[in-house]
Amino acid sequence: MKATNRSPAADALTDLILALFRVNNLTLAWGDRLVAPFGLTSARWQVLGAIVFAERPQPVAWLARDLGANRQNVQRIVNDLHREGLIRFEPNPHHRRAKLVVLTEKGEEAYEAAVSTYYPKAEALVEGLSEREIKTAHGVMMALRTKFRGEEDAEE
């Protein structure tokens, strides 16, 4: 393999990205185990969370954007959630075909059960980490997210 000129910061970023890949995989597997009793997967839980945290009902494309995910993947998950009665579609006054996605009572119950199980686990995971360390890591990830989105926008 040909050696390239790169900075120590670029090497550190590479190490961080490789760690993020590994942690992401472990986090998804952990989340799947955590929410399986509620008929959810990590992906379904993420979509339910995006619906909950949205300021108002949104169409699938907006949920996908908020999640930084592929619209088609989010659509597939939303369709699964709809079949299981966890979400419903409402008319969108701004777009005839792009229906708004809203939680049903069953969806709210599943999401609340998942969150209630999550928080005690989060308290255990945070042990040995300071709030400052966590906020610093969050800041780095948000900065990377902004840069990745900028590249994505430039390609389009």
C-alpha atoms as a PDB file:
ATOM      1  CA  MET A   1       0.000   0.000   0.000  1.00  0.00           C
ATOM      2  CA  LYS A   2       1.328   3.398  -0.943  1.00  0.00           C
ATOM      3  CA  ALA A   3       2.095   5.760   1.952  1.00  0.00           C
ATOM      4  CA  THR A   4       0.321   9.101   1.855  1.00  0.00           C
ATOM      5  CA  ASN A   5       1.111  12.366   3.542  1.00  0.00           C
ATOM      6  CA  ARG A   6      -1.353  12.874   6.339  1.00  0.00           C
ATOM      7  CA  SER A   7      -1.436  14.804   9.532  1.00  0.00           C
ATOM      8  CA  PRO A   8      -1.549  13.376  13.050  1.00  0.00           C
ATOM      9  CA  ALA A   9      -5.050  14.853  13.301  1.00  0.00           C
ATOM     10  CA  ALA A  10      -6.164  12.906  10.210  1.00  0.00           C
ATOM     11  CA  ASP A  11      -4.717   9.714  11.739  1.00  0.00           C
ATOM     12  CA  ALA A  12      -6.559  10.438  14.984  1.00  0.00           C
ATOM     13  CA  LEU A  13      -9.778  11.023  13.032  1.00  0.00           C
ATOM     14  CA  THR A  14      -9.306   7.689  11.261  1.00  0.00           C
ATOM     15  CA  ASP A  15      -8.913   5.960  14.631  1.00  0.00           C
ATOM     16  CA  LEU A  16     -12.063   7.733  15.867  1.00  0.00           C
ATOM     17  CA  ILE A  17     -14.102   6.755  12.798  1.00  0.00           C
ATOM     18  CA  LEU A  18     -13.005   3.113  13.093  1.00  0.00           C
ATOM     19  CA  ALA A  19     -13.998   3.163  16.772  1.00  0.00           C
ATOM     20  CA  LEU A  20     -17.355   4.758  15.851  1.00  0.00           C
ATOM     21  CA  PHE A  21     -18.039   1.943  13.358  1.00  0.00           C
ATOM     22  CA  ARG A  22     -17.336  -0.656  16.041  1.00  0.00           C
ATOM     23  CA  VAL A  23     -19.300   1.153  18.743  1.00  0.00           C
ATOM     24  CA  ASN A  24     -22.207   1.687  16.332  1.00  0.00           C
ATOM     25  CA  ASN A  25     -22.410  -2.056  15.639  1.00  0.00           C
ATOM     26  CA  LEU A  26     -22.246  -2.883  19.347  1.00  0.00           C
ATOM     27  CA  THR A  27     -24.808  -0.181  20.155  1.00  0.00           C
ATOM     28  CA  LEU A  28     -27.276  -1.504  17.581  1.00  0.00           C
ATOM     29  CA  ALA A  29     -26.929  -5.073  18.878  1.00  0.00           C
ATOM     30  CA  TRP A  30     -27.317  -3.834  22.472  1.00  0.00           C
ATOM     31  CA  GLY A  31     -30.363  -1.785  21.489  1.00  0.00           C
ATOM     32  CA  ASP A  32     -31.917  -4.738  19.666  1.00  0.00           C
ATOM     33  CA  ARG A  33     -31.619  -6.846  22.830  1.00  0.00           C
ATOM     34  CA  LEU A  34     -32.955  -4.005  24.973  1.00  0.00           C
ATOM     35  CA  VAL A  35     -36.133  -3.344  22.974  1.00  0.00           C
ATOM     36  CA  ALA A  36     -36.879  -6.856  21.650  1.00  0.00           C
ATOM     37  CA  PRO A  37     -39.401  -7.505  24.476  1.00  0.00           C
ATOM     38  CA  PHE A  38     -41.495  -4.629  23.090  1.00  0.00           C
ATOM     39  CA  GLY A  39     -41.552  -5.930  19.518  1.00  0.00           C
ATOM     40  CA  LEU A  40     -38.969  -3.365  18.424  1.00  0.00           C
ATOM     41  CA  THR A  41     -35.505  -3.289  16.914  1.00  0.00           C
ATOM     42  CA  SER A  42     -32.953  -0.504  17.277  1.00  0.00           C
ATOM     43  CA  ALA A  43     -33.988   0.799  13.855  1.00  0.00           C
ATOM     44  CA  ARG A  44     -37.684   0.852  14.746  1.00  0.00           C
ATOM     45  CA  TRP A  45     -36.914   2.485  18.090  1.00  0.00           C
ATOM     46  CA  GLN A  46     -34.881   5.176  16.313  1.00  0.00           C
ATOM     47  CA  VAL A  47     -37.769   5.954  13.964  1.00  0.00           C
ATOM     48  CA  LEU A  48     -40.259   6.077  16.845  1.00  0.00           C
ATOM     49  CA  GLY A  49     -37.869   8.444  18.637  1.00  0.00           C
ATOM     50  CA  ALA A  50     -37.628  10.686  15.585  1.00  0.00           C
ATOM     51  CA  ILE A  51     -41.429  10.884  15.522  1.00  0.00           C
ATOM     52  CA  VAL A  52     -41.580  11.659  19.251  1.00  0.00           C
ATOM     53  CA  PHE A  53     -38.900  14.358  19.130  1.00  0.00           C
ATOM     54  CA  ALA A  54     -40.193  16.083  16.005  1.00  0.00           C
ATOM     55  CA  GLU A  55     -41.838  19.423  16.762  1.00  0.00           C
ATOM     56  CA  ARG A  56     -44.856  18.393  14.674  1.00  0.00           C
ATOM     57  CA  PRO A  57     -45.886  15.414  12.526  1.00  0.00           C
ATOM     58  CA  GLN A  58     -43.538  14.933   9.593  1.00  0.00           C
ATOM     59  CA  PRO A  59     -43.444  12.936   6.365  1.00  0.00           C
ATOM     60  CA  VAL A  60     -41.004  10.054   5.975  1.00  0.00           C
ATOM     61  CA  ALA A  61     -38.480  12.137   4.004  1.00  0.00           C
ATOM     62  CA  TRP A  62     -38.148  14.617   6.867  1.00  0.00           C
ATOM     63  CA  LEU A  63     -37.812  11.846   9.449  1.00  0.00           C
ATOM     64  CA  ALA A  64     -35.060  10.284   7.324  1.00  0.00           C
ATOM     65  CA  ARG A  65     -33.263  13.638   7.087  1.00  0.00           C
ATOM     66  CA  ASP A  66     -33.452  14.115  10.864  1.00  0.00           C
ATOM     67  CA  LEU A  67     -32.041  10.627  11.385  1.00  0.00           C
ATOM     68  CA  GLY A  68     -29.348  11.064   8.746  1.00  0.00           C
ATOM     69  CA  ALA A  69     -30.735   7.932   7.115  1.00  0.00           C
ATOM     70  CA  ASN A  70     -31.754   6.783   3.671  1.00  0.00           C
ATOM     71  CA  ARG A  71     -35.397   7.676   2.903  1.00  0.00           C
ATOM     72  CA  GLN A  72     -36.140   4.254   1.424  1.00  0.00           C
ATOM     73  CA  ASN A  73     -34.884   2.486   4.557  1.00  0.00           C
ATOM     74  CA  VAL A  74     -36.976   4.730   6.800  1.00  0.00           C
ATOM     75  CA  GLN A  75     -40.001   4.163   4.531  1.00  0.00           C
ATOM     76  CA  ARG A  76     -39.591   0.391   4.904  1.00  0.00           C
ATOM     77  CA  ILE A  77     -39.434   0.703   8.697  1.00  0.00           C
ATOM     78  CA  VAL A  78     -42.417   3.081   8.765  1.00  0.00           C
ATOM     79  CA  ASN A  79     -44.396   0.593   6.657  1.00  0.00           C
ATOM     80  CA  ASP A  80     -43.534  -2.170   9.156  1.00  0.00           C
ATOM     81  CA  LEU A  81     -44.558   0.053  12.083  1.00  0.00           C
ATOM     82  CA  HIS A  82     -47.822   0.866  10.308  1.00  0.00           C
ATOM     83  CA  ARG A  83     -48.604  -2.819   9.684  1.00  0.00           C
ATOM     84  CA  GLU A  84     -48.061  -3.471  13.386  1.00  0.00           C
ATOM     85  CA  GLY A  85     -50.320  -0.601  14.437  1.00  0.00           C
ATOM     86  CA  LEU A  86     -47.562   1.503  16.027  1.00  0.00           C
ATOM     87  CA  ILE A  87     -47.998   4.485  13.696  1.00  0.00           C
ATOM     88  CA  ARG A  88     -50.731   5.917  11.489  1.00  0.00           C
ATOM     89  CA  PHE A  89     -50.692   8.220   8.504  1.00  0.00           C
ATOM     90  CA  GLU A  90     -52.446  11.569   8.434  1.00  0.00           C
ATOM     91  CA  PRO A  91     -53.083  13.899   5.507  1.00  0.00           C
ATOM     92  CA  ASN A  92     -50.350  16.451   4.845  1.00  0.00           C
ATOM     93  CA  PRO A  93     -51.825  19.864   4.050  1.00  0.00           C
ATOM     94  CA  HIS A  94     -48.637  20.770   2.149  1.00  0.00           C
ATOM     95  CA  HIS A  95     -48.287  17.639   0.012  1.00  0.00           C
ATOM     96  CA  ARG A  96     -50.966  15.232  -1.183  1.00  0.00           C
ATOM     97  CA  ARG A  97     -48.806  12.125  -1.421  1.00  0.00           C
ATOM     98  CA  ALA A  98     -46.321  12.641   1.449  1.00  0.00           C
ATOM     99  CA  LYS A  99     -48.482  11.640   4.405  1.00  0.00           C
ATOM    100  CA  LEU A 100     -47.576  12.698   7.933  1.00  0.00           C
ATOM    101  CA  VAL A 101     -46.388   9.955  10.309  1.00  0.00           C
ATOM    102  CA  VAL A 102     -47.968   9.918  13.788  1.00  0.00           C
ATOM    103  CA  LEU A 103     -47.659   7.490  16.696  1.00  0.00           C
ATOM    104  CA  THR A 104     -50.707   5.497  17.728  1.00  0.00           C
ATOM    105  CA  GLU A 105     -51.433   4.753  21.378  1.00  0.00           C
ATOM    106  CA  LYS A 106     -49.796   1.346  20.882  1.00  0.00           C
ATOM    107  CA  GLY A 107     -46.731   3.092  19.425  1.00  0.00           C
ATOM    108  CA  GLU A 108     -46.541   5.493  22.360  1.00  0.00           C
ATOM    109  CA  GLU A 109     -46.737   2.576  24.786  1.00  0.00           C
ATOM    110  CA  ALA A 110     -43.962   0.660  23.000  1.00  0.00           C
ATOM    111  CA  TYR A 111     -41.742   3.742  22.872  1.00  0.00           C
ATOM    112  CA  GLU A 112     -42.319   4.551  26.558  1.00  0.00           C
ATOM    113  CA  ALA A 113     -41.593   0.951  27.558  1.00  0.00           C
ATOM    114  CA  ALA A 114     -38.325   1.053  25.603  1.00  0.00           C
ATOM    115  CA  VAL A 115     -37.296   4.378  27.145  1.00  0.00           C
ATOM    116  CA  SER A 116     -38.182   3.186  30.654  1.00  0.00           C
ATOM    117  CA  THR A 117     -35.913   0.189  30.144  1.00  0.00           C
ATOM    118  CA  TYR A 118     -33.180   2.332  28.561  1.00  0.00           C
ATOM    119  CA  TYR A 119     -32.612   4.952  31.283  1.00  0.00           C
ATOM    120  CA  PRO A 120     -31.455   2.587  34.051  1.00  0.00           C
ATOM    121  CA  LYS A 121     -29.063   1.020  31.523  1.00  0.00           C
ATOM    122  CA  ALA A 122     -27.820   4.491  30.525  1.00  0.00           C
ATOM    123  CA  GLU A 123     -27.088   5.274  34.177  1.00  0.00           C
ATOM    124  CA  ALA A 124     -24.969   2.117  34.373  1.00  0.00           C
ATOM    125  CA  LEU A 125     -23.163   2.916  31.098  1.00  0.00           C
ATOM    126  CA  VAL A 126     -22.285   6.447  32.197  1.00  0.00           C
ATOM    127  CA  GLU A 127     -20.461   5.178  35.280  1.00  0.00           C
ATOM    128  CA  GLY A 128     -16.828   6.280  35.148  1.00  0.00           C
ATOM    129  CA  LEU A 129     -17.462   8.942  32.486  1.00  0.00           C
ATOM    130  CA  SER A 130     -17.854  12.605  33.293  1.00  0.00           C
ATOM    131  CA  GLU A 131     -20.579  14.783  31.834  1.00  0.00           C
ATOM    132  CA  ARG A 132     -17.831  16.933  30.326  1.00  0.00           C
ATOM    133  CA  GLU A 133     -16.254  13.957  28.512  1.00  0.00           C
ATOM    134  CA  ILE A 134     -19.626  12.937  27.130  1.00  0.00           C
ATOM    135  CA  LYS A 135     -20.433  16.469  25.977  1.00  0.00           C
ATOM    136  CA  THR A 136     -17.012  16.765  24.310  1.00  0.00           C
ATOM    137  CA  ALA A 137     -17.551  13.496  22.439  1.00  0.00           C
ATOM    138  CA  HIS A 138     -21.018  14.669  21.436  1.00  0.00           C
ATOM    139  CA  GLY A 139     -19.593  17.943  20.138  1.00  0.00           C
ATOM    140  CA  VAL A 140     -17.055  16.114  17.989  1.00  0.00           C
ATOM    141  CA  MET A 141     -19.742  13.847  16.551  1.00  0.00           C
ATOM    142  CA  MET A 142     -22.021  16.786  15.776  1.00  0.00           C
ATOM    143  CA  ALA A 143     -19.172  18.614  14.027  1.00  0.00           C
ATOM    144  CA  LEU A 144     -18.465  15.511  11.931  1.00  0.00           C
ATOM    145  CA  ARG A 145     -22.172  15.177  11.146  1.00  0.00           C
ATOM    146  CA  THR A 146     -22.223  18.758   9.860  1.00  0.00           C
ATOM    147  CA  LYS A 147     -19.152  18.151   7.691  1.00  0.00           C
ATOM    148  CA  PHE A 148     -20.522  14.895   6.291  1.00  0.00           C
ATOM    149  CA  ARG A 149     -23.828  16.585   5.482  1.00  0.00           C
ATOM    150  CA  GLY A 150     -21.942  19.404   3.755  1.00  0.00           C
ATOM    151  CA  GLU A 151     -20.149  16.890   1.546  1.00  0.00           C
ATOM    152  CA  GLU A 152     -23.447  15.146   0.813  1.00  0.00           C
ATOM    153  CA  ASP A 153     -25.086  18.446  -0.175  1.00  0.00           C
ATOM    154  CA  ALA A 154     -22.125  19.346  -2.395  1.00  0.00           C
ATOM    155  CA  GLU A 155     -22.431  16.004  -4.237  1.00  0.00           C
ATOM    156  CA  GLU A 156     -26.107  16.624  -4.951  1.00  0.00           C
END
